[in-house]
Amino acid sequence: LGLLLLWQDDHGAARDALHAAAALAEEYDDPGGRAWCAGNLAISHFMLGDVDDVVPLAERGLEMARATGEVMPLRRTTCGLG
């Protein structure tokens, strides 16, 4: 949902959904899910001009993605950092 809303430029709702997804990923101990959410949140912050928040979010996501070895979260968070 968060990604769909991000694509529709509904960043307020996207962020809410991504934070909820990140909380679920935390609850279910899903580091790849947390990394995916961090990358998408970084992209949302960038698209709204909140550039000070982009790098810390993306770097945190990259760290989590590298730790899991999962390719898709790594790609998404790398995109967020880019």
C-alpha atoms as a PDB file:
ATOM      1  CA  LEU A   1       0.000   0.000   0.000  1.00  0.00           C
ATOM      2  CA  GLY A   2       2.783   2.389   0.904  1.00  0.00           C
ATOM      3  CA  LEU A   3       4.529   1.857  -2.422  1.00  0.00           C
ATOM      4  CA  LEU A   4       1.291   2.278  -4.373  1.00  0.00           C
ATOM      5  CA  LEU A   5       0.542   5.527  -2.553  1.00  0.00           C
ATOM      6  CA  LEU A   6       4.117   6.681  -3.143  1.00  0.00           C
ATOM      7  CA  TRP A   7       3.648   6.142  -6.894  1.00  0.00           C
ATOM      8  CA  GLN A   8       0.417   8.158  -6.687  1.00  0.00           C
ATOM      9  CA  ASP A   9       2.264  11.051  -4.992  1.00  0.00           C
ATOM     10  CA  ASP A  10       0.147  10.722  -1.836  1.00  0.00           C
ATOM     11  CA  HIS A  11       3.146  11.025   0.442  1.00  0.00           C
ATOM     12  CA  GLY A  12       1.304  11.613   3.702  1.00  0.00           C
ATOM     13  CA  ALA A  13      -0.695   8.418   3.317  1.00  0.00           C
ATOM     14  CA  ALA A  14       2.342   6.598   1.879  1.00  0.00           C
ATOM     15  CA  ARG A  15       4.433   7.479   4.911  1.00  0.00           C
ATOM     16  CA  ASP A  16       1.686   6.351   7.269  1.00  0.00           C
ATOM     17  CA  ALA A  17       1.411   3.022   5.440  1.00  0.00           C
ATOM     18  CA  LEU A  18       5.185   2.575   5.264  1.00  0.00           C
ATOM     19  CA  HIS A  19       5.570   3.301   8.978  1.00  0.00           C
ATOM     20  CA  ALA A  20       2.820   0.779   9.711  1.00  0.00           C
ATOM     21  CA  ALA A  21       4.546  -1.772   7.462  1.00  0.00           C
ATOM     22  CA  ALA A  22       7.877  -1.105   9.170  1.00  0.00           C
ATOM     23  CA  ALA A  23       6.234  -1.666  12.562  1.00  0.00           C
ATOM     24  CA  LEU A  24       4.856  -4.995  11.315  1.00  0.00           C
ATOM     25  CA  ALA A  25       8.276  -5.940   9.954  1.00  0.00           C
ATOM     26  CA  GLU A  26       9.743  -5.122  13.357  1.00  0.00           C
ATOM     27  CA  GLU A  27       7.058  -7.122  15.159  1.00  0.00           C
ATOM     28  CA  TYR A  28       7.627 -10.155  12.911  1.00  0.00           C
ATOM     29  CA  ASP A  29      11.426  -9.739  12.893  1.00  0.00           C
ATOM     30  CA  ASP A  30      11.606  -9.125   9.138  1.00  0.00           C
ATOM     31  CA  PRO A  31      14.786  -7.099   8.491  1.00  0.00           C
ATOM     32  CA  GLY A  32      14.237  -7.219   4.720  1.00  0.00           C
ATOM     33  CA  GLY A  33      10.810  -5.639   5.214  1.00  0.00           C
ATOM     34  CA  ARG A  34      12.274  -2.938   7.445  1.00  0.00           C
ATOM     35  CA  ALA A  35      14.953  -2.230   4.826  1.00  0.00           C
ATOM     36  CA  TRP A  36      12.335  -2.066   2.047  1.00  0.00           C
ATOM     37  CA  CYS A  37      10.271   0.419   4.065  1.00  0.00           C
ATOM     38  CA  ALA A  38      13.334   2.558   4.849  1.00  0.00           C
ATOM     39  CA  GLY A  39      14.211   2.777   1.153  1.00  0.00           C
ATOM     40  CA  ASN A  40      10.691   3.807   0.200  1.00  0.00           C
ATOM     41  CA  LEU A  41      10.535   6.349   3.020  1.00  0.00           C
ATOM     42  CA  ALA A  42      13.817   7.809   1.808  1.00  0.00           C
ATOM     43  CA  ILE A  43      12.379   8.177  -1.696  1.00  0.00           C
ATOM     44  CA  SER A  44       9.257   9.837  -0.298  1.00  0.00           C
ATOM     45  CA  HIS A  45      11.314  12.308   1.722  1.00  0.00           C
ATOM     46  CA  PHE A  46      13.382  13.126  -1.359  1.00  0.00           C
ATOM     47  CA  MET A  47      10.299  13.652  -3.525  1.00  0.00           C
ATOM     48  CA  LEU A  48       8.946  16.155  -0.992  1.00  0.00           C
ATOM     49  CA  GLY A  49      12.257  17.997  -0.679  1.00  0.00           C
ATOM     50  CA  ASP A  50      13.011  16.732   2.848  1.00  0.00           C
ATOM     51  CA  VAL A  51      16.582  16.059   1.787  1.00  0.00           C
ATOM     52  CA  ASP A  52      18.047  16.141   5.298  1.00  0.00           C
ATOM     53  CA  ASP A  53      16.120  12.961   6.131  1.00  0.00           C
ATOM     54  CA  VAL A  54      16.960  11.017   2.956  1.00  0.00           C
ATOM     55  CA  VAL A  55      20.534   9.924   3.615  1.00  0.00           C
ATOM     56  CA  PRO A  56      20.033   8.671   7.199  1.00  0.00           C
ATOM     57  CA  LEU A  57      16.926   6.685   6.178  1.00  0.00           C
ATOM     58  CA  ALA A  58      18.559   5.179   3.114  1.00  0.00           C
ATOM     59  CA  GLU A  59      21.819   4.374   4.914  1.00  0.00           C
ATOM     60  CA  ARG A  60      19.901   2.644   7.698  1.00  0.00           C
ATOM     61  CA  GLY A  61      17.965   0.682   5.099  1.00  0.00           C
ATOM     62  CA  LEU A  62      21.167  -0.262   3.268  1.00  0.00           C
ATOM     63  CA  GLU A  63      22.714  -1.504   6.488  1.00  0.00           C
ATOM     64  CA  MET A  64      19.664  -3.673   7.188  1.00  0.00           C
ATOM     65  CA  ALA A  65      19.469  -4.914   3.586  1.00  0.00           C
ATOM     66  CA  ARG A  66      23.144  -5.860   3.495  1.00  0.00           C
ATOM     67  CA  ALA A  67      22.769  -7.735   6.782  1.00  0.00           C
ATOM     68  CA  THR A  68      19.924  -9.835   5.356  1.00  0.00           C
ATOM     69  CA  GLY A  69      21.528 -10.519   2.008  1.00  0.00           C
ATOM     70  CA  GLU A  70      18.143  -9.976   0.337  1.00  0.00           C
ATOM     71  CA  VAL A  71      18.520  -8.455  -3.121  1.00  0.00           C
ATOM     72  CA  MET A  72      15.242  -6.524  -3.551  1.00  0.00           C
ATOM     73  CA  PRO A  73      15.491  -4.465  -0.338  1.00  0.00           C
ATOM     74  CA  LEU A  74      19.128  -3.762  -1.201  1.00  0.00           C
ATOM     75  CA  ARG A  75      18.130  -2.479  -4.646  1.00  0.00           C
ATOM     76  CA  ARG A  76      15.307  -0.341  -3.271  1.00  0.00           C
ATOM     77  CA  THR A  77      17.386   1.254  -0.530  1.00  0.00           C
ATOM     78  CA  THR A  78      20.230   1.863  -2.983  1.00  0.00           C
ATOM     79  CA  CYS A  79      17.688   3.635  -5.200  1.00  0.00           C
ATOM     80  CA  GLY A  80      16.582   5.686  -2.187  1.00  0.00           C
ATOM     81  CA  LEU A  81      20.146   6.701  -1.445  1.00  0.00           C
ATOM     82  CA  GLY A  82      20.804   7.494  -5.119  1.00  0.00           C
END
